[in-house]
Every structure is written in structure tokens, then in C-alpha cells.
Amino acid sequence: MPRYYVNHEQQANGDHEVHVETCGFLPSNRLDLGIHYTCQDAVREAKRYYSQSNGCYWCSRPCHTT
């Protein structure tokens, strides 16, 4: 199971993106969300910290919304 992180910095639209640890766009300013079975679980965890959380388009596409 992969380890997920959420970006502390919000995107222009206000989203805090959730990334897998191997993502090429993994930010350095991030919060460790731990190991999760799915990106849906990781986004749910991220929303405990940032209500406007979203999956990364590149590494968590099933959880990415526009």
C-alpha cells in the first residue's frame, strides 16, 4: 500500500493536493497522511486537515476532480 501526502500549499483554486510518495510532483512542504489502501481513503484523511482537498491529476487521478 502506498504512503500519501497532502500539500500544505493550496493551489490557485484553493485545493490542497494529495500525492503518492513516488509522484514526480510531490511537494517538499507536505503533511504525511500515512499509508492508505486507496486514494479515496487518503483524500478523506486529508480533509481532516484541509476541507478542500483533491487528488493529484498525475498520481491520484481517480480522486482528482476539476
PDB file of N, CA and C in Angstrom:
ATOM      1  N   MET A   1       0.849  -1.187   0.000  1.00  0.00           N
ATOM      2  CA  MET A   1       0.000   0.000   0.000  1.00  0.00           C
ATOM      3  C   MET A   1       0.891   1.245   0.000  1.00  0.00           C
ATOM      4  N   PRO A   2       0.481   2.256  -0.737  1.00  0.00           N
ATOM      5  CA  PRO A   2       1.303   3.461  -0.834  1.00  0.00           C
ATOM      6  C   PRO A   2       1.120   4.426   0.335  1.00  0.00           C
ATOM      7  N   ARG A   3       2.147   5.223   0.531  1.00  0.00           N
ATOM      8  CA  ARG A   3       2.098   6.316   1.511  1.00  0.00           C
ATOM      9  C   ARG A   3       1.650   7.572   0.769  1.00  0.00           C
ATOM     10  N   TYR A   4       0.778   8.340   1.400  1.00  0.00           N
ATOM     11  CA  TYR A   4       0.229   9.557   0.794  1.00  0.00           C
ATOM     12  C   TYR A   4       0.613  10.783   1.605  1.00  0.00           C
ATOM     13  N   TYR A   5       0.642  11.900   0.894  1.00  0.00           N
ATOM     14  CA  TYR A   5       0.949  13.203   1.489  1.00  0.00           C
ATOM     15  C   TYR A   5      -0.036  14.227   0.942  1.00  0.00           C
ATOM     16  N   VAL A   6      -0.278  15.272   1.734  1.00  0.00           N
ATOM     17  CA  VAL A   6      -1.081  16.396   1.249  1.00  0.00           C
ATOM     18  C   VAL A   6      -0.202  17.643   1.273  1.00  0.00           C
ATOM     19  N   ASN A   7      -0.337  18.437   0.242  1.00  0.00           N
ATOM     20  CA  ASN A   7       0.432  19.670   0.109  1.00  0.00           C
ATOM     21  C   ASN A   7      -0.105  20.715   1.085  1.00  0.00           C
ATOM     22  N   HIS A   8       0.790  21.311   1.891  1.00  0.00           N
ATOM     23  CA  HIS A   8       0.376  22.399   2.783  1.00  0.00           C
ATOM     24  C   HIS A   8      -0.028  23.637   1.983  1.00  0.00           C
ATOM     25  N   GLU A   9       0.601  23.833   0.823  1.00  0.00           N
ATOM     26  CA  GLU A   9       0.310  24.996  -0.024  1.00  0.00           C
ATOM     27  C   GLU A   9      -0.909  24.698  -0.886  1.00  0.00           C
ATOM     28  N   GLN A  10      -1.842  25.611  -0.909  1.00  0.00           N
ATOM     29  CA  GLN A  10      -3.025  25.398  -1.741  1.00  0.00           C
ATOM     30  C   GLN A  10      -2.752  25.803  -3.184  1.00  0.00           C
ATOM     31  N   GLN A  11      -3.487  25.175  -4.082  1.00  0.00           N
ATOM     32  CA  GLN A  11      -3.420  25.502  -5.498  1.00  0.00           C
ATOM     33  C   GLN A  11      -4.178  26.817  -5.733  1.00  0.00           C
ATOM     34  N   ALA A  12      -4.104  27.335  -6.945  1.00  0.00           N
ATOM     35  CA  ALA A  12      -4.789  28.588  -7.279  1.00  0.00           C
ATOM     36  C   ALA A  12      -6.298  28.504  -7.027  1.00  0.00           C
ATOM     37  N   ASN A  13      -6.864  27.300  -7.174  1.00  0.00           N
ATOM     38  CA  ASN A  13      -8.306  27.122  -6.954  1.00  0.00           C
ATOM     39  C   ASN A  13      -8.656  26.819  -5.499  1.00  0.00           C
ATOM     40  N   GLY A  14      -7.656  26.795  -4.623  1.00  0.00           N
ATOM     41  CA  GLY A  14      -7.892  26.546  -3.199  1.00  0.00           C
ATOM     42  C   GLY A  14      -7.702  25.115  -2.756  1.00  0.00           C
ATOM     43  N   ASP A  15      -7.489  24.190  -3.701  1.00  0.00           N
ATOM     44  CA  ASP A  15      -7.296  22.774  -3.365  1.00  0.00           C
ATOM     45  C   ASP A  15      -5.932  22.519  -2.727  1.00  0.00           C
ATOM     46  N   HIS A  16      -5.916  21.578  -1.808  1.00  0.00           N
ATOM     47  CA  HIS A  16      -4.679  21.018  -1.267  1.00  0.00           C
ATOM     48  C   HIS A  16      -4.575  19.626  -1.882  1.00  0.00           C
ATOM     49  N   GLU A  17      -3.566  19.423  -2.731  1.00  0.00           N
ATOM     50  CA  GLU A  17      -3.483  18.173  -3.481  1.00  0.00           C
ATOM     51  C   GLU A  17      -2.879  17.041  -2.665  1.00  0.00           C
ATOM     52  N   VAL A  18      -3.442  15.855  -2.874  1.00  0.00           N
ATOM     53  CA  VAL A  18      -2.975  14.629  -2.232  1.00  0.00           C
ATOM     54  C   VAL A  18      -2.117  13.868  -3.244  1.00  0.00           C
ATOM     55  N   HIS A  19      -0.915  13.465  -2.804  1.00  0.00           N
ATOM     56  CA  HIS A  19       0.055  12.797  -3.667  1.00  0.00           C
ATOM     57  C   HIS A  19       0.511  11.464  -3.066  1.00  0.00           C
ATOM     58  N   VAL A  20       0.881  10.552  -3.955  1.00  0.00           N
ATOM     59  CA  VAL A  20       1.551   9.311  -3.555  1.00  0.00           C
ATOM     60  C   VAL A  20       3.034   9.642  -3.378  1.00  0.00           C
ATOM     61  N   GLU A  21       3.716   8.940  -2.500  1.00  0.00           N
ATOM     62  CA  GLU A  21       5.115   9.249  -2.200  1.00  0.00           C
ATOM     63  C   GLU A  21       6.039   9.181  -3.415  1.00  0.00           C
ATOM     64  N   THR A  22       5.664   8.475  -4.463  1.00  0.00           N
ATOM     65  CA  THR A  22       6.510   8.342  -5.650  1.00  0.00           C
ATOM     66  C   THR A  22       6.163   9.350  -6.747  1.00  0.00           C
ATOM     67  N   CYS A  23       5.249  10.262  -6.492  1.00  0.00           N
ATOM     68  CA  CYS A  23       4.802  11.228  -7.502  1.00  0.00           C
ATOM     69  C   CYS A  23       5.935  12.186  -7.874  1.00  0.00           C
ATOM     70  N   GLY A  24       6.059  12.457  -9.162  1.00  0.00           N
ATOM     71  CA  GLY A  24       7.044  13.413  -9.641  1.00  0.00           C
ATOM     72  C   GLY A  24       6.730  14.843  -9.237  1.00  0.00           C
ATOM     73  N   PHE A  25       5.501  15.093  -8.774  1.00  0.00           N
ATOM     74  CA  PHE A  25       5.083  16.433  -8.361  1.00  0.00           C
ATOM     75  C   PHE A  25       4.917  16.539  -6.845  1.00  0.00           C
ATOM     76  N   LEU A  26       5.482  15.598  -6.108  1.00  0.00           N
ATOM     77  CA  LEU A  26       5.390  15.594  -4.648  1.00  0.00           C
ATOM     78  C   LEU A  26       6.058  16.854  -4.098  1.00  0.00           C
ATOM     79  N   PRO A  27       5.326  17.674  -3.370  1.00  0.00           N
ATOM     80  CA  PRO A  27       5.905  18.916  -2.853  1.00  0.00           C
ATOM     81  C   PRO A  27       6.783  18.666  -1.630  1.00  0.00           C
ATOM     82  N   SER A  28       7.683  19.589  -1.372  1.00  0.00           N
ATOM     83  CA  SER A  28       8.526  19.465  -0.182  1.00  0.00           C
ATOM     84  C   SER A  28       7.778  19.937   1.069  1.00  0.00           C
ATOM     85  N   ASN A  29       6.827  20.844   0.909  1.00  0.00           N
ATOM     86  CA  ASN A  29       6.029  21.369   2.019  1.00  0.00           C
ATOM     87  C   ASN A  29       4.751  20.540   2.114  1.00  0.00           C
ATOM     88  N   ARG A  30       4.827  19.436   2.844  1.00  0.00           N
ATOM     89  CA  ARG A  30       3.724  18.468   2.836  1.00  0.00           C
ATOM     90  C   ARG A  30       3.490  17.867   4.214  1.00  0.00           C
ATOM     91  N   LEU A  31       2.317  17.271   4.359  1.00  0.00           N
ATOM     92  CA  LEU A  31       1.923  16.573   5.581  1.00  0.00           C
ATOM     93  C   LEU A  31       1.782  15.095   5.258  1.00  0.00           C
ATOM     94  N   ASP A  32       2.410  14.259   6.039  1.00  0.00           N
ATOM     95  CA  ASP A  32       2.331  12.805   5.861  1.00  0.00           C
ATOM     96  C   ASP A  32       0.962  12.326   6.314  1.00  0.00           C
ATOM     97  N   LEU A  33       0.225  11.724   5.392  1.00  0.00           N
ATOM     98  CA  LEU A  33      -1.104  11.189   5.707  1.00  0.00           C
ATOM     99  C   LEU A  33      -1.052   9.719   6.088  1.00  0.00           C
ATOM    100  N   GLY A  34       0.109   9.106   5.932  1.00  0.00           N
ATOM    101  CA  GLY A  34       0.253   7.698   6.261  1.00  0.00           C
ATOM    102  C   GLY A  34      -0.021   6.798   5.066  1.00  0.00           C
ATOM    103  N   ILE A  35      -0.126   5.519   5.339  1.00  0.00           N
ATOM    104  CA  ILE A  35      -0.341   4.501   4.314  1.00  0.00           C
ATOM    105  C   ILE A  35      -1.843   4.244   4.187  1.00  0.00           C
ATOM    106  N   HIS A  36      -2.308   4.255   2.936  1.00  0.00           N
ATOM    107  CA  HIS A  36      -3.728   4.043   2.669  1.00  0.00           C
ATOM    108  C   HIS A  36      -3.899   3.073   1.517  1.00  0.00           C
ATOM    109  N   TYR A  37      -4.969   2.325   1.559  1.00  0.00           N
ATOM    110  CA  TYR A  37      -5.272   1.347   0.521  1.00  0.00           C
ATOM    111  C   TYR A  37      -5.680   2.028  -0.781  1.00  0.00           C
ATOM    112  N   THR A  38      -6.427   3.130  -0.685  1.00  0.00           N
ATOM    113  CA  THR A  38      -6.895   3.841  -1.877  1.00  0.00           C
ATOM    114  C   THR A  38      -6.654   5.341  -1.729  1.00  0.00           C
ATOM    115  N   CYS A  39      -6.674   6.035  -2.864  1.00  0.00           N
ATOM    116  CA  CYS A  39      -6.557   7.494  -2.803  1.00  0.00           C
ATOM    117  C   CYS A  39      -7.798   8.100  -2.159  1.00  0.00           C
ATOM    118  N   GLN A  40      -8.938   7.445  -2.287  1.00  0.00           N
ATOM    119  CA  GLN A  40     -10.156   7.944  -1.641  1.00  0.00           C
ATOM    120  C   GLN A  40      -9.970   8.010  -0.124  1.00  0.00           C
ATOM    121  N   ASP A  41      -9.354   6.971   0.436  1.00  0.00           N
ATOM    122  CA  ASP A  41      -9.074   6.965   1.872  1.00  0.00           C
ATOM    123  C   ASP A  41      -8.117   8.091   2.242  1.00  0.00           C
ATOM    124  N   ALA A  42      -7.094   8.305   1.401  1.00  0.00           N
ATOM    125  CA  ALA A  42      -6.106   9.351   1.667  1.00  0.00           C
ATOM    126  C   ALA A  42      -6.733  10.739   1.581  1.00  0.00           C
ATOM    127  N   VAL A  43      -7.587  10.974   0.594  1.00  0.00           N
ATOM    128  CA  VAL A  43      -8.256  12.274   0.470  1.00  0.00           C
ATOM    129  C   VAL A  43      -9.179  12.498   1.668  1.00  0.00           C
ATOM    130  N   ARG A  44      -9.869  11.478   2.093  1.00  0.00           N
ATOM    131  CA  ARG A  44     -10.729  11.585   3.279  1.00  0.00           C
ATOM    132  C   ARG A  44      -9.888  12.002   4.500  1.00  0.00           C
ATOM    133  N   GLU A  45      -8.713  11.409   4.650  1.00  0.00           N
ATOM    134  CA  GLU A  45      -7.810  11.774   5.750  1.00  0.00           C
ATOM    135  C   GLU A  45      -7.332  13.216   5.589  1.00  0.00           C
ATOM    136  N   ALA A  46      -6.982  13.613   4.366  1.00  0.00           N
ATOM    137  CA  ALA A  46      -6.509  14.979   4.112  1.00  0.00           C
ATOM    138  C   ALA A  46      -7.572  16.004   4.475  1.00  0.00           C
ATOM    139  N   LYS A  47      -8.827  15.673   4.268  1.00  0.00           N
ATOM    140  CA  LYS A  47      -9.918  16.599   4.557  1.00  0.00           C
ATOM    141  C   LYS A  47     -10.094  16.850   6.051  1.00  0.00           C
ATOM    142  N   ARG A  48      -9.470  16.044   6.878  1.00  0.00           N
ATOM    143  CA  ARG A  48      -9.454  16.309   8.322  1.00  0.00           C
ATOM    144  C   ARG A  48      -8.622  17.565   8.614  1.00  0.00           C
ATOM    145  N   TYR A  49      -7.658  17.854   7.732  1.00  0.00           N
ATOM    146  CA  TYR A  49      -6.758  18.994   7.886  1.00  0.00           C
ATOM    147  C   TYR A  49      -7.131  20.155   6.969  1.00  0.00           C
ATOM    148  N   TYR A  50      -7.505  19.821   5.748  1.00  0.00           N
ATOM    149  CA  TYR A  50      -7.873  20.823   4.743  1.00  0.00           C
ATOM    150  C   TYR A  50      -9.169  20.360   4.083  1.00  0.00           C
ATOM    151  N   SER A  51     -10.252  21.056   4.357  1.00  0.00           N
ATOM    152  CA  SER A  51     -11.553  20.615   3.844  1.00  0.00           C
ATOM    153  C   SER A  51     -11.602  20.585   2.318  1.00  0.00           C
ATOM    154  N   GLN A  52     -10.815  21.425   1.680  1.00  0.00           N
ATOM    155  CA  GLN A  52     -10.779  21.446   0.220  1.00  0.00           C
ATOM    156  C   GLN A  52      -9.538  20.692  -0.250  1.00  0.00           C
ATOM    157  N   SER A  53      -9.590  19.378  -0.187  1.00  0.00           N
ATOM    158  CA  SER A  53      -8.502  18.510  -0.634  1.00  0.00           C
ATOM    159  C   SER A  53      -8.941  17.751  -1.872  1.00  0.00           C
ATOM    160  N   ASN A  54      -7.977  17.420  -2.707  1.00  0.00           N
ATOM    161  CA  ASN A  54      -8.259  16.812  -4.001  1.00  0.00           C
ATOM    162  C   ASN A  54      -7.064  15.937  -4.387  1.00  0.00           C
ATOM    163  N   GLY A  55      -7.310  14.876  -5.125  1.00  0.00           N
ATOM    164  CA  GLY A  55      -6.227  14.022  -5.597  1.00  0.00           C
ATOM    165  C   GLY A  55      -5.420  14.670  -6.703  1.00  0.00           C
ATOM    166  N   CYS A  56      -4.146  14.392  -6.733  1.00  0.00           N
ATOM    167  CA  CYS A  56      -3.258  14.883  -7.790  1.00  0.00           C
ATOM    168  C   CYS A  56      -3.669  14.274  -9.137  1.00  0.00           C
ATOM    169  N   TYR A  57      -3.690  15.090 -10.170  1.00  0.00           N
ATOM    170  CA  TYR A  57      -4.054  14.627 -11.508  1.00  0.00           C
ATOM    171  C   TYR A  57      -3.117  13.523 -11.987  1.00  0.00           C
ATOM    172  N   TRP A  58      -1.843  13.604 -11.627  1.00  0.00           N
ATOM    173  CA  TRP A  58      -0.829  12.684 -12.152  1.00  0.00           C
ATOM    174  C   TRP A  58      -0.721  11.384 -11.363  1.00  0.00           C
ATOM    175  N   CYS A  59      -0.841  11.430 -10.049  1.00  0.00           N
ATOM    176  CA  CYS A  59      -0.598  10.209  -9.266  1.00  0.00           C
ATOM    177  C   CYS A  59      -1.844   9.672  -8.553  1.00  0.00           C
ATOM    178  N   SER A  60      -2.882  10.475  -8.443  1.00  0.00           N
ATOM    179  CA  SER A  60      -4.117  10.061  -7.767  1.00  0.00           C
ATOM    180  C   SER A  60      -5.314  10.427  -8.626  1.00  0.00           C
ATOM    181  N   ARG A  61      -5.216  10.144  -9.904  1.00  0.00           N
ATOM    182  CA  ARG A  61      -6.229  10.570 -10.876  1.00  0.00           C
ATOM    183  C   ARG A  61      -7.649  10.117 -10.521  1.00  0.00           C
ATOM    184  N   PRO A  62      -7.848   8.896  -9.974  1.00  0.00           N
ATOM    185  CA  PRO A  62      -9.232   8.515  -9.619  1.00  0.00           C
ATOM    186  C   PRO A  62      -9.864   9.454  -8.589  1.00  0.00           C
ATOM    187  N   CYS A  63      -9.034  10.192  -7.856  1.00  0.00           N
ATOM    188  CA  CYS A  63      -9.536  11.101  -6.824  1.00  0.00           C
ATOM    189  C   CYS A  63      -9.453  12.547  -7.244  1.00  0.00           C
ATOM    190  N   HIS A  64      -9.020  12.797  -8.457  1.00  0.00           N
ATOM    191  CA  HIS A  64      -8.887  14.175  -8.954  1.00  0.00           C
ATOM    192  C   HIS A  64     -10.220  14.645  -9.522  1.00  0.00           C
ATOM    193  N   THR A  65     -10.665  15.802  -9.054  1.00  0.00           N
ATOM    194  CA  THR A  65     -11.870  16.406  -9.615  1.00  0.00           C
ATOM    195  C   THR A  65     -11.490  17.779 -10.145  1.00  0.00           C
ATOM    196  N   THR A  66     -12.239  18.242 -11.100  1.00  0.00           N
ATOM    197  CA  THR A  66     -11.937  19.555 -11.692  1.00  0.00           C
ATOM    198  C   THR A  66     -12.785  20.641 -11.114  1.00  0.00           C
TER     199      THR A  66
END
